[in-house]
Amino acid sequence: MVIGATAVVEDHGVHAARGDSRGSGKTSGERHPKVRHGVLIGAGAQILGNIEIGACALIAAGSVVLDNVPAHKTVAGVPARIVGEVGAAEPASAMDQVHESSTRNLTRAVS
């Protein structure tokens, strides 16, 4: 896991193995992500730039997040897109990465 110098990672978040949370390298000052309370970040996901991941969001494994993610949303893909609501009150505590509505929406999004 790589977390940049100005990144903010709040309590009760879980970042799975081999992921990145870092700046894009194109700006100075605050250039790293802000990961809010209760976020679950799947294995190999990358969060790049000065963006905010809202509280209790879920980032699917292997996703590349380039834009802000609203609270309680599931994002997936390259680049990551919203594919549904989070299926748990706090995904990082539940550790449940499979949500039927998100899976259905992801299938439609990549078809």
PDB file of N, CA and C in Angstrom:
ATOM      1  N   MET A   1       0.842  -1.167   0.000  1.00  0.00           N
ATOM      2  CA  MET A   1       0.000   0.000   0.000  1.00  0.00           C
ATOM      3  C   MET A   1       0.891   1.235   0.000  1.00  0.00           C
ATOM      4  N   VAL A   2       0.526   2.219  -0.811  1.00  0.00           N
ATOM      5  CA  VAL A   2       1.253   3.482  -0.882  1.00  0.00           C
ATOM      6  C   VAL A   2       0.290   4.587  -0.493  1.00  0.00           C
ATOM      7  N   ILE A   3       0.662   5.392   0.507  1.00  0.00           N
ATOM      8  CA  ILE A   3      -0.160   6.533   0.910  1.00  0.00           C
ATOM      9  C   ILE A   3       0.742   7.748   0.884  1.00  0.00           C
ATOM     10  N   GLY A   4       0.333   8.772   0.123  1.00  0.00           N
ATOM     11  CA  GLY A   4       1.141   9.967  -0.047  1.00  0.00           C
ATOM     12  C   GLY A   4       1.232  10.821   1.211  1.00  0.00           C
ATOM     13  N   ALA A   5       2.185  11.740   1.217  1.00  0.00           N
ATOM     14  CA  ALA A   5       2.507  12.550   2.394  1.00  0.00           C
ATOM     15  C   ALA A   5       1.359  13.421   2.869  1.00  0.00           C
ATOM     16  N   THR A   6       0.531  13.942   1.975  1.00  0.00           N
ATOM     17  CA  THR A   6      -0.560  14.825   2.395  1.00  0.00           C
ATOM     18  C   THR A   6      -1.916  14.119   2.382  1.00  0.00           C
ATOM     19  N   ALA A   7      -1.922  12.818   2.243  1.00  0.00           N
ATOM     20  CA  ALA A   7      -3.185  12.069   2.245  1.00  0.00           C
ATOM     21  C   ALA A   7      -3.829  12.123   3.622  1.00  0.00           C
ATOM     22  N   VAL A   8      -5.171  12.071   3.646  1.00  0.00           N
ATOM     23  CA  VAL A   8      -5.930  12.017   4.890  1.00  0.00           C
ATOM     24  C   VAL A   8      -6.699  10.707   4.883  1.00  0.00           C
ATOM     25  N   VAL A   9      -6.493   9.880   5.901  1.00  0.00           N
ATOM     26  CA  VAL A   9      -7.219   8.615   6.035  1.00  0.00           C
ATOM     27  C   VAL A   9      -7.849   8.617   7.419  1.00  0.00           C
ATOM     28  N   GLU A  10      -9.188   8.695   7.459  1.00  0.00           N
ATOM     29  CA  GLU A  10      -9.886   8.766   8.735  1.00  0.00           C
ATOM     30  C   GLU A  10     -10.049   7.389   9.366  1.00  0.00           C
ATOM     31  N   ASP A  11     -10.578   7.369  10.591  1.00  0.00           N
ATOM     32  CA  ASP A  11     -10.755   6.144  11.374  1.00  0.00           C
ATOM     33  C   ASP A  11     -11.673   5.126  10.701  1.00  0.00           C
ATOM     34  N   HIS A  12     -11.466   3.887  11.073  1.00  0.00           N
ATOM     35  CA  HIS A  12     -12.321   2.760  10.708  1.00  0.00           C
ATOM     36  C   HIS A  12     -12.380   2.507   9.213  1.00  0.00           C
ATOM     37  N   GLY A  13     -11.353   2.866   8.491  1.00  0.00           N
ATOM     38  CA  GLY A  13     -11.258   2.542   7.073  1.00  0.00           C
ATOM     39  C   GLY A  13     -10.381   1.325   6.880  1.00  0.00           C
ATOM     40  N   VAL A  14     -10.607   0.601   5.800  1.00  0.00           N
ATOM     41  CA  VAL A  14      -9.803  -0.585   5.502  1.00  0.00           C
ATOM     42  C   VAL A  14      -9.299  -0.455   4.081  1.00  0.00           C
ATOM     43  N   HIS A  15      -7.999  -0.630   3.922  1.00  0.00           N
ATOM     44  CA  HIS A  15      -7.363  -0.571   2.604  1.00  0.00           C
ATOM     45  C   HIS A  15      -6.746  -1.938   2.358  1.00  0.00           C
ATOM     46  N   ALA A  16      -7.255  -2.649   1.376  1.00  0.00           N
ATOM     47  CA  ALA A  16      -6.747  -3.985   1.073  1.00  0.00           C
ATOM     48  C   ALA A  16      -5.344  -3.903   0.472  1.00  0.00           C
ATOM     49  N   ALA A  17      -4.710  -5.028   0.332  1.00  0.00           N
ATOM     50  CA  ALA A  17      -3.318  -5.102  -0.110  1.00  0.00           C
ATOM     51  C   ALA A  17      -3.104  -4.578  -1.531  1.00  0.00           C
ATOM     52  N   ARG A  18      -1.898  -4.084  -1.754  1.00  0.00           N
ATOM     53  CA  ARG A  18      -1.391  -3.670  -3.062  1.00  0.00           C
ATOM     54  C   ARG A  18      -2.174  -2.546  -3.710  1.00  0.00           C
ATOM     55  N   GLY A  19      -2.601  -1.574  -2.942  1.00  0.00           N
ATOM     56  CA  GLY A  19      -3.313  -0.423  -3.498  1.00  0.00           C
ATOM     57  C   GLY A  19      -2.516   0.850  -3.329  1.00  0.00           C
ATOM     58  N   ASP A  20      -2.967   1.913  -3.993  1.00  0.00           N
ATOM     59  CA  ASP A  20      -2.300   3.215  -3.916  1.00  0.00           C
ATOM     60  C   ASP A  20      -3.305   4.295  -3.561  1.00  0.00           C
ATOM     61  N   SER A  21      -2.887   5.229  -2.720  1.00  0.00           N
ATOM     62  CA  SER A  21      -3.624   6.454  -2.432  1.00  0.00           C
ATOM     63  C   SER A  21      -2.600   7.566  -2.512  1.00  0.00           C
ATOM     64  N   ARG A  22      -2.494   8.169  -3.675  1.00  0.00           N
ATOM     65  CA  ARG A  22      -1.424   9.143  -3.847  1.00  0.00           C
ATOM     66  C   ARG A  22      -1.820  10.245  -4.813  1.00  0.00           C
ATOM     67  N   GLY A  23      -0.975  11.257  -4.865  1.00  0.00           N
ATOM     68  CA  GLY A  23      -1.217  12.395  -5.736  1.00  0.00           C
ATOM     69  C   GLY A  23      -0.945  12.059  -7.189  1.00  0.00           C
ATOM     70  N   SER A  24      -1.394  12.956  -8.037  1.00  0.00           N
ATOM     71  CA  SER A  24      -1.204  12.753  -9.469  1.00  0.00           C
ATOM     72  C   SER A  24       0.178  13.182  -9.926  1.00  0.00           C
ATOM     73  N   GLY A  25       0.898  13.949  -9.077  1.00  0.00           N
ATOM     74  CA  GLY A  25       2.225  14.428  -9.443  1.00  0.00           C
ATOM     75  C   GLY A  25       2.201  15.697 -10.259  1.00  0.00           C
ATOM     76  N   LYS A  26       0.990  16.246 -10.515  1.00  0.00           N
ATOM     77  CA  LYS A  26       0.863  17.417 -11.371  1.00  0.00           C
ATOM     78  C   LYS A  26       0.604  18.707 -10.599  1.00  0.00           C
ATOM     79  N   THR A  27       0.390  18.608  -9.275  1.00  0.00           N
ATOM     80  CA  THR A  27       0.078  19.793  -8.495  1.00  0.00           C
ATOM     81  C   THR A  27       0.944  19.831  -7.250  1.00  0.00           C
ATOM     82  N   SER A  28       0.953  21.009  -6.601  1.00  0.00           N
ATOM     83  CA  SER A  28       1.666  21.115  -5.331  1.00  0.00           C
ATOM     84  C   SER A  28       0.648  21.362  -4.226  1.00  0.00           C
ATOM     85  N   GLY A  29       1.104  21.379  -2.986  1.00  0.00           N
ATOM     86  CA  GLY A  29       0.185  21.567  -1.861  1.00  0.00           C
ATOM     87  C   GLY A  29      -0.582  20.283  -1.589  1.00  0.00           C
ATOM     88  N   GLU A  30      -1.879  20.417  -1.293  1.00  0.00           N
ATOM     89  CA  GLU A  30      -2.712  19.247  -1.046  1.00  0.00           C
ATOM     90  C   GLU A  30      -2.987  18.548  -2.371  1.00  0.00           C
ATOM     91  N   ARG A  31      -2.323  17.423  -2.567  1.00  0.00           N
ATOM     92  CA  ARG A  31      -2.446  16.735  -3.848  1.00  0.00           C
ATOM     93  C   ARG A  31      -2.843  15.277  -3.685  1.00  0.00           C
ATOM     94  N   HIS A  32      -3.087  14.866  -2.445  1.00  0.00           N
ATOM     95  CA  HIS A  32      -3.416  13.470  -2.172  1.00  0.00           C
ATOM     96  C   HIS A  32      -4.874  13.318  -1.755  1.00  0.00           C
ATOM     97  N   PRO A  33      -5.397  12.112  -1.842  1.00  0.00           N
ATOM     98  CA  PRO A  33      -6.808  11.866  -1.516  1.00  0.00           C
ATOM     99  C   PRO A  33      -7.130  12.051  -0.037  1.00  0.00           C
ATOM    100  N   LYS A  34      -8.413  12.304   0.212  1.00  0.00           N
ATOM    101  CA  LYS A  34      -8.974  12.324   1.554  1.00  0.00           C
ATOM    102  C   LYS A  34      -9.946  11.159   1.637  1.00  0.00           C
ATOM    103  N   VAL A  35      -9.627  10.165   2.448  1.00  0.00           N
ATOM    104  CA  VAL A  35     -10.455   8.971   2.586  1.00  0.00           C
ATOM    105  C   VAL A  35     -11.187   9.096   3.916  1.00  0.00           C
ATOM    106  N   ARG A  36     -12.506   9.237   3.842  1.00  0.00           N
ATOM    107  CA  ARG A  36     -13.306   9.493   5.035  1.00  0.00           C
ATOM    108  C   ARG A  36     -13.626   8.220   5.810  1.00  0.00           C
ATOM    109  N   HIS A  37     -14.289   8.381   6.924  1.00  0.00           N
ATOM    110  CA  HIS A  37     -14.619   7.339   7.896  1.00  0.00           C
ATOM    111  C   HIS A  37     -15.334   6.136   7.259  1.00  0.00           C
ATOM    112  N   GLY A  38     -14.887   4.929   7.596  1.00  0.00           N
ATOM    113  CA  GLY A  38     -15.600   3.702   7.248  1.00  0.00           C
ATOM    114  C   GLY A  38     -15.496   3.232   5.815  1.00  0.00           C
ATOM    115  N   VAL A  39     -14.553   3.751   5.039  1.00  0.00           N
ATOM    116  CA  VAL A  39     -14.408   3.387   3.630  1.00  0.00           C
ATOM    117  C   VAL A  39     -13.709   2.029   3.496  1.00  0.00           C
ATOM    118  N   LEU A  40     -14.200   1.202   2.579  1.00  0.00           N
ATOM    119  CA  LEU A  40     -13.549  -0.070   2.259  1.00  0.00           C
ATOM    120  C   LEU A  40     -12.955   0.049   0.861  1.00  0.00           C
ATOM    121  N   ILE A  41     -11.639  -0.122   0.760  1.00  0.00           N
ATOM    122  CA  ILE A  41     -10.929  -0.022  -0.519  1.00  0.00           C
ATOM    123  C   ILE A  41     -10.436  -1.409  -0.884  1.00  0.00           C
ATOM    124  N   GLY A  42     -10.910  -1.929  -2.005  1.00  0.00           N
ATOM    125  CA  GLY A  42     -10.569  -3.271  -2.448  1.00  0.00           C
ATOM    126  C   GLY A  42      -9.121  -3.401  -2.890  1.00  0.00           C
ATOM    127  N   ALA A  43      -8.657  -4.633  -2.963  1.00  0.00           N
ATOM    128  CA  ALA A  43      -7.278  -4.946  -3.334  1.00  0.00           C
ATOM    129  C   ALA A  43      -6.919  -4.366  -4.694  1.00  0.00           C
ATOM    130  N   GLY A  44      -5.766  -3.747  -4.762  1.00  0.00           N
ATOM    131  CA  GLY A  44      -5.246  -3.229  -6.020  1.00  0.00           C
ATOM    132  C   GLY A  44      -5.898  -1.952  -6.508  1.00  0.00           C
ATOM    133  N   ALA A  45      -6.848  -1.402  -5.755  1.00  0.00           N
ATOM    134  CA  ALA A  45      -7.486  -0.150  -6.174  1.00  0.00           C
ATOM    135  C   ALA A  45      -6.492   0.995  -6.062  1.00  0.00           C
ATOM    136  N   GLN A  46      -6.632   1.976  -6.941  1.00  0.00           N
ATOM    137  CA  GLN A  46      -5.780   3.155  -6.922  1.00  0.00           C
ATOM    138  C   GLN A  46      -6.660   4.387  -6.824  1.00  0.00           C
ATOM    139  N   ILE A  47      -6.318   5.278  -5.900  1.00  0.00           N
ATOM    140  CA  ILE A  47      -7.039   6.537  -5.716  1.00  0.00           C
ATOM    141  C   ILE A  47      -6.023   7.628  -5.979  1.00  0.00           C
ATOM    142  N   LEU A  48      -6.213   8.364  -7.060  1.00  0.00           N
ATOM    143  CA  LEU A  48      -5.177   9.281  -7.533  1.00  0.00           C
ATOM    144  C   LEU A  48      -5.649  10.724  -7.549  1.00  0.00           C
ATOM    145  N   GLY A  49      -4.867  11.596  -6.949  1.00  0.00           N
ATOM    146  CA  GLY A  49      -5.130  13.023  -6.999  1.00  0.00           C
ATOM    147  C   GLY A  49      -5.799  13.561  -5.756  1.00  0.00           C
ATOM    148  N   ASN A  50      -6.068  14.858  -5.773  1.00  0.00           N
ATOM    149  CA  ASN A  50      -6.683  15.563  -4.654  1.00  0.00           C
ATOM    150  C   ASN A  50      -8.195  15.404  -4.725  1.00  0.00           C
ATOM    151  N   ILE A  51      -8.669  14.210  -4.370  1.00  0.00           N
ATOM    152  CA  ILE A  51     -10.093  13.903  -4.421  1.00  0.00           C
ATOM    153  C   ILE A  51     -10.542  13.409  -3.053  1.00  0.00           C
ATOM    154  N   GLU A  52     -11.860  13.380  -2.857  1.00  0.00           N
ATOM    155  CA  GLU A  52     -12.415  12.929  -1.579  1.00  0.00           C
ATOM    156  C   GLU A  52     -13.252  11.675  -1.787  1.00  0.00           C
ATOM    157  N   ILE A  53     -13.004  10.687  -0.929  1.00  0.00           N
ATOM    158  CA  ILE A  53     -13.803   9.467  -0.902  1.00  0.00           C
ATOM    159  C   ILE A  53     -14.731   9.625   0.300  1.00  0.00           C
ATOM    160  N   GLY A  54     -16.033   9.763   0.040  1.00  0.00           N
ATOM    161  CA  GLY A  54     -17.009  10.036   1.088  1.00  0.00           C
ATOM    162  C   GLY A  54     -17.110   8.918   2.113  1.00  0.00           C
ATOM    163  N   ALA A  55     -17.635   9.256   3.276  1.00  0.00           N
ATOM    164  CA  ALA A  55     -17.773   8.306   4.379  1.00  0.00           C
ATOM    165  C   ALA A  55     -18.538   7.062   3.939  1.00  0.00           C
ATOM    166  N   CYS A  56     -18.044   5.929   4.373  1.00  0.00           N
ATOM    167  CA  CYS A  56     -18.701   4.631   4.174  1.00  0.00           C
ATOM    168  C   CYS A  56     -18.906   4.272   2.703  1.00  0.00           C
ATOM    169  N   ALA A  57     -18.004   4.726   1.839  1.00  0.00           N
ATOM    170  CA  ALA A  57     -18.033   4.337   0.431  1.00  0.00           C
ATOM    171  C   ALA A  57     -17.291   3.010   0.267  1.00  0.00           C
ATOM    172  N   LEU A  58     -17.487   2.375  -0.877  1.00  0.00           N
ATOM    173  CA  LEU A  58     -16.808   1.118  -1.186  1.00  0.00           C
ATOM    174  C   LEU A  58     -16.146   1.255  -2.552  1.00  0.00           C
ATOM    175  N   ILE A  59     -14.842   1.005  -2.606  1.00  0.00           N
ATOM    176  CA  ILE A  59     -14.075   1.055  -3.850  1.00  0.00           C
ATOM    177  C   ILE A  59     -13.773  -0.385  -4.243  1.00  0.00           C
ATOM    178  N   ALA A  60     -14.260  -0.807  -5.401  1.00  0.00           N
ATOM    179  CA  ALA A  60     -14.063  -2.190  -5.839  1.00  0.00           C
ATOM    180  C   ALA A  60     -12.595  -2.471  -6.146  1.00  0.00           C
ATOM    181  N   ALA A  61     -12.213  -3.715  -5.973  1.00  0.00           N
ATOM    182  CA  ALA A  61     -10.843  -4.154  -6.243  1.00  0.00           C
ATOM    183  C   ALA A  61     -10.457  -3.811  -7.677  1.00  0.00           C
ATOM    184  N   GLY A  62      -9.237  -3.332  -7.845  1.00  0.00           N
ATOM    185  CA  GLY A  62      -8.700  -3.041  -9.168  1.00  0.00           C
ATOM    186  C   GLY A  62      -9.190  -1.745  -9.793  1.00  0.00           C
ATOM    187  N   SER A  63     -10.036  -1.002  -9.103  1.00  0.00           N
ATOM    188  CA  SER A  63     -10.569   0.249  -9.654  1.00  0.00           C
ATOM    189  C   SER A  63      -9.502   1.341  -9.648  1.00  0.00           C
ATOM    190  N   VAL A  64      -9.666   2.297 -10.561  1.00  0.00           N
ATOM    191  CA  VAL A  64      -8.813   3.482 -10.589  1.00  0.00           C
ATOM    192  C   VAL A  64      -9.733   4.686 -10.398  1.00  0.00           C
ATOM    193  N   VAL A  65      -9.636   5.307  -9.221  1.00  0.00           N
ATOM    194  CA  VAL A  65     -10.534   6.404  -8.856  1.00  0.00           C
ATOM    195  C   VAL A  65      -9.850   7.727  -9.167  1.00  0.00           C
ATOM    196  N   LEU A  66     -10.489   8.522 -10.036  1.00  0.00           N
ATOM    197  CA  LEU A  66      -9.932   9.804 -10.473  1.00  0.00           C
ATOM    198  C   LEU A  66     -10.805  10.984 -10.067  1.00  0.00           C
ATOM    199  N   ASP A  67     -12.039  10.713  -9.590  1.00  0.00           N
ATOM    200  CA  ASP A  67     -12.992  11.761  -9.217  1.00  0.00           C
ATOM    201  C   ASP A  67     -13.529  11.497  -7.816  1.00  0.00           C
ATOM    202  N   ASN A  68     -14.116  12.538  -7.203  1.00  0.00           N
ATOM    203  CA  ASN A  68     -14.721  12.382  -5.884  1.00  0.00           C
ATOM    204  C   ASN A  68     -15.745  11.261  -5.894  1.00  0.00           C
ATOM    205  N   VAL A  69     -15.870  10.570  -4.759  1.00  0.00           N
ATOM    206  CA  VAL A  69     -16.864   9.515  -4.586  1.00  0.00           C
ATOM    207  C   VAL A  69     -17.803   9.955  -3.464  1.00  0.00           C
ATOM    208  N   PRO A  70     -19.114  10.059  -3.746  1.00  0.00           N
ATOM    209  CA  PRO A  70     -20.044  10.455  -2.692  1.00  0.00           C
ATOM    210  C   PRO A  70     -20.111   9.415  -1.572  1.00  0.00           C
ATOM    211  N   ALA A  71     -20.523   9.849  -0.399  1.00  0.00           N
ATOM    212  CA  ALA A  71     -20.685   8.947   0.736  1.00  0.00           C
ATOM    213  C   ALA A  71     -21.698   7.856   0.398  1.00  0.00           C
ATOM    214  N   HIS A  72     -21.462   6.651   0.912  1.00  0.00           N
ATOM    215  CA  HIS A  72     -22.383   5.501   0.806  1.00  0.00           C
ATOM    216  C   HIS A  72     -22.604   5.018  -0.629  1.00  0.00           C
ATOM    217  N   LYS A  73     -21.639   5.230  -1.503  1.00  0.00           N
ATOM    218  CA  LYS A  73     -21.729   4.758  -2.890  1.00  0.00           C
ATOM    219  C   LYS A  73     -20.658   3.707  -3.143  1.00  0.00           C
ATOM    220  N   THR A  74     -20.946   2.796  -4.065  1.00  0.00           N
ATOM    221  CA  THR A  74     -19.986   1.804  -4.520  1.00  0.00           C
ATOM    222  C   THR A  74     -19.494   2.232  -5.892  1.00  0.00           C
ATOM    223  N   VAL A  75     -18.173   2.250  -6.085  1.00  0.00           N
ATOM    224  CA  VAL A  75     -17.602   2.568  -7.392  1.00  0.00           C
ATOM    225  C   VAL A  75     -16.744   1.403  -7.860  1.00  0.00           C
ATOM    226  N   ALA A  76     -16.682   1.252  -9.186  1.00  0.00           N
ATOM    227  CA  ALA A  76     -15.884   0.173  -9.776  1.00  0.00           C
ATOM    228  C   ALA A  76     -15.471   0.570 -11.176  1.00  0.00           C
ATOM    229  N   GLY A  77     -14.370  -0.012 -11.631  1.00  0.00           N
ATOM    230  CA  GLY A  77     -13.948   0.155 -13.018  1.00  0.00           C
ATOM    231  C   GLY A  77     -12.713   1.008 -13.178  1.00  0.00           C
ATOM    232  N   VAL A  78     -12.312   1.135 -14.457  1.00  0.00           N
ATOM    233  CA  VAL A  78     -11.161   1.946 -14.849  1.00  0.00           C
ATOM    234  C   VAL A  78     -11.612   2.809 -16.019  1.00  0.00           C
ATOM    235  N   PRO A  79     -11.881   4.075 -15.786  1.00  0.00           N
ATOM    236  CA  PRO A  79     -11.897   4.749 -14.496  1.00  0.00           C
ATOM    237  C   PRO A  79     -13.137   4.341 -13.683  1.00  0.00           C
ATOM    238  N   ALA A  80     -13.061   4.523 -12.374  1.00  0.00           N
ATOM    239  CA  ALA A  80     -14.161   4.122 -11.493  1.00  0.00           C
ATOM    240  C   ALA A  80     -15.407   4.959 -11.754  1.00  0.00           C
ATOM    241  N   ARG A  81     -16.562   4.263 -11.747  1.00  0.00           N
ATOM    242  CA  ARG A  81     -17.863   4.909 -11.884  1.00  0.00           C
ATOM    243  C   ARG A  81     -18.774   4.385 -10.790  1.00  0.00           C
ATOM    244  N   ILE A  82     -19.770   5.182 -10.423  1.00  0.00           N
ATOM    245  CA  ILE A  82     -20.738   4.738  -9.420  1.00  0.00           C
ATOM    246  C   ILE A  82     -21.562   3.605 -10.015  1.00  0.00           C
ATOM    247  N   VAL A  83     -21.614   2.488  -9.276  1.00  0.00           N
ATOM    248  CA  VAL A  83     -22.379   1.323  -9.743  1.00  0.00           C
ATOM    249  C   VAL A  83     -23.509   0.971  -8.791  1.00  0.00           C
ATOM    250  N   GLY A  84     -23.629   1.688  -7.694  1.00  0.00           N
ATOM    251  CA  GLY A  84     -24.731   1.417  -6.778  1.00  0.00           C
ATOM    252  C   GLY A  84     -24.496   1.984  -5.401  1.00  0.00           C
ATOM    253  N   GLU A  85     -25.452   1.677  -4.539  1.00  0.00           N
ATOM    254  CA  GLU A  85     -25.370   2.049  -3.131  1.00  0.00           C
ATOM    255  C   GLU A  85     -24.533   1.011  -2.394  1.00  0.00           C
ATOM    256  N   VAL A  86     -23.980   1.400  -1.265  1.00  0.00           N
ATOM    257  CA  VAL A  86     -23.260   0.470  -0.413  1.00  0.00           C
ATOM    258  C   VAL A  86     -24.284  -0.396   0.303  1.00  0.00           C
ATOM    259  N   GLY A  87     -23.992  -1.680   0.446  1.00  0.00           N
ATOM    260  CA  GLY A  87     -24.934  -2.613   1.047  1.00  0.00           C
ATOM    261  C   GLY A  87     -24.817  -2.760   2.549  1.00  0.00           C
ATOM    262  N   ALA A  88     -23.922  -2.003   3.192  1.00  0.00           N
ATOM    263  CA  ALA A  88     -23.736  -2.102   4.639  1.00  0.00           C
ATOM    264  C   ALA A  88     -23.618  -0.689   5.212  1.00  0.00           C
ATOM    265  N   ALA A  89     -23.982  -0.534   6.475  1.00  0.00           N
ATOM    266  CA  ALA A  89     -23.898   0.784   7.108  1.00  0.00           C
ATOM    267  C   ALA A  89     -22.463   1.302   7.114  1.00  0.00           C
ATOM    268  N   GLU A  90     -21.509   0.413   7.368  1.00  0.00           N
ATOM    269  CA  GLU A  90     -20.091   0.781   7.374  1.00  0.00           C
ATOM    270  C   GLU A  90     -19.310  -0.353   6.705  1.00  0.00           C
ATOM    271  N   PRO A  91     -19.036  -0.239   5.399  1.00  0.00           N
ATOM    272  CA  PRO A  91     -18.398  -1.321   4.656  1.00  0.00           C
ATOM    273  C   PRO A  91     -17.080  -1.813   5.257  1.00  0.00           C
ATOM    274  N   ALA A  92     -16.294  -0.904   5.830  1.00  0.00           N
ATOM    275  CA  ALA A  92     -15.003  -1.315   6.389  1.00  0.00           C
ATOM    276  C   ALA A  92     -15.179  -2.270   7.564  1.00  0.00           C
ATOM    277  N   SER A  93     -16.252  -2.116   8.319  1.00  0.00           N
ATOM    278  CA  SER A  93     -16.512  -3.022   9.442  1.00  0.00           C
ATOM    279  C   SER A  93     -17.120  -4.335   8.976  1.00  0.00           C
ATOM    280  N   ALA A  94     -18.011  -4.252   7.980  1.00  0.00           N
ATOM    281  CA  ALA A  94     -18.698  -5.451   7.482  1.00  0.00           C
ATOM    282  C   ALA A  94     -17.765  -6.327   6.639  1.00  0.00           C
ATOM    283  N   MET A  95     -16.790  -5.696   5.959  1.00  0.00           N
ATOM    284  CA  MET A  95     -15.866  -6.406   5.054  1.00  0.00           C
ATOM    285  C   MET A  95     -16.600  -7.210   3.993  1.00  0.00           C
ATOM    286  N   ASP A  96     -17.798  -6.770   3.623  1.00  0.00           N
ATOM    287  CA  ASP A  96     -18.613  -7.444   2.614  1.00  0.00           C
ATOM    288  C   ASP A  96     -18.409  -6.719   1.289  1.00  0.00           C
ATOM    289  N   GLN A  97     -17.684  -7.346   0.372  1.00  0.00           N
ATOM    290  CA  GLN A  97     -17.371  -6.704  -0.893  1.00  0.00           C
ATOM    291  C   GLN A  97     -18.293  -7.123  -2.029  1.00  0.00           C
ATOM    292  N   VAL A  98     -19.296  -7.941  -1.740  1.00  0.00           N
ATOM    293  CA  VAL A  98     -20.210  -8.403  -2.782  1.00  0.00           C
ATOM    294  C   VAL A  98     -21.606  -7.903  -2.453  1.00  0.00           C
ATOM    295  N   HIS A  99     -22.140  -7.088  -3.354  1.00  0.00           N
ATOM    296  CA  HIS A  99     -23.495  -6.573  -3.200  1.00  0.00           C
ATOM    297  C   HIS A  99     -24.222  -6.800  -4.511  1.00  0.00           C
ATOM    298  N   GLU A 100     -25.339  -7.515  -4.451  1.00  0.00           N
ATOM    299  CA  GLU A 100     -26.042  -7.918  -5.669  1.00  0.00           C
ATOM    300  C   GLU A 100     -26.398  -6.735  -6.549  1.00  0.00           C
ATOM    301  N   SER A 101     -26.912  -5.639  -5.973  1.00  0.00           N
ATOM    302  CA  SER A 101     -27.296  -4.494  -6.802  1.00  0.00           C
ATOM    303  C   SER A 101     -26.081  -3.899  -7.499  1.00  0.00           C
ATOM    304  N   SER A 102     -24.944  -3.840  -6.816  1.00  0.00           N
ATOM    305  CA  SER A 102     -23.724  -3.313  -7.430  1.00  0.00           C
ATOM    306  C   SER A 102     -23.239  -4.230  -8.544  1.00  0.00           C
ATOM    307  N   THR A 103     -23.330  -5.534  -8.347  1.00  0.00           N
ATOM    308  CA  THR A 103     -22.903  -6.490  -9.365  1.00  0.00           C
ATOM    309  C   THR A 103     -23.774  -6.370 -10.610  1.00  0.00           C
ATOM    310  N   ARG A 104     -25.080  -6.228 -10.422  1.00  0.00           N
ATOM    311  CA  ARG A 104     -25.995  -6.062 -11.553  1.00  0.00           C
ATOM    312  C   ARG A 104     -25.675  -4.789 -12.317  1.00  0.00           C
ATOM    313  N   ASN A 105     -25.476  -3.675 -11.589  1.00  0.00           N
ATOM    314  CA  ASN A 105     -25.176  -2.401 -12.242  1.00  0.00           C
ATOM    315  C   ASN A 105     -23.833  -2.414 -12.938  1.00  0.00           C
ATOM    316  N   LEU A 106     -22.830  -3.079 -12.349  1.00  0.00           N
ATOM    317  CA  LEU A 106     -21.514  -3.154 -12.970  1.00  0.00           C
ATOM    318  C   LEU A 106     -21.595  -3.929 -14.277  1.00  0.00           C
ATOM    319  N   THR A 107     -22.371  -5.002 -14.299  1.00  0.00           N
ATOM    320  CA  THR A 107     -22.524  -5.785 -15.526  1.00  0.00           C
ATOM    321  C   THR A 107     -23.096  -4.908 -16.636  1.00  0.00           C
ATOM    322  N   ARG A 108     -24.095  -4.087 -16.295  1.00  0.00           N
ATOM    323  CA  ARG A 108     -24.675  -3.170 -17.289  1.00  0.00           C
ATOM    324  C   ARG A 108     -23.671  -2.109 -17.716  1.00  0.00           C
ATOM    325  N   ALA A 109     -22.869  -1.591 -16.772  1.00  0.00           N
ATOM    326  CA  ALA A 109     -21.948  -0.500 -17.062  1.00  0.00           C
ATOM    327  C   ALA A 109     -20.843  -0.930 -18.018  1.00  0.00           C
ATOM    328  N   VAL A 110     -20.394  -2.161 -17.941  1.00  0.00           N
ATOM    329  CA  VAL A 110     -19.283  -2.602 -18.798  1.00  0.00           C
ATOM    330  C   VAL A 110     -19.749  -3.311 -20.050  1.00  0.00           C
ATOM    331  N   SER A 111     -21.036  -3.522 -20.188  1.00  0.00           N
ATOM    332  CA  SER A 111     -21.563  -4.200 -21.397  1.00  0.00           C
ATOM    333  C   SER A 111     -21.670  -3.258 -22.562  1.00  0.00           C
TER     334      SER A 111
END
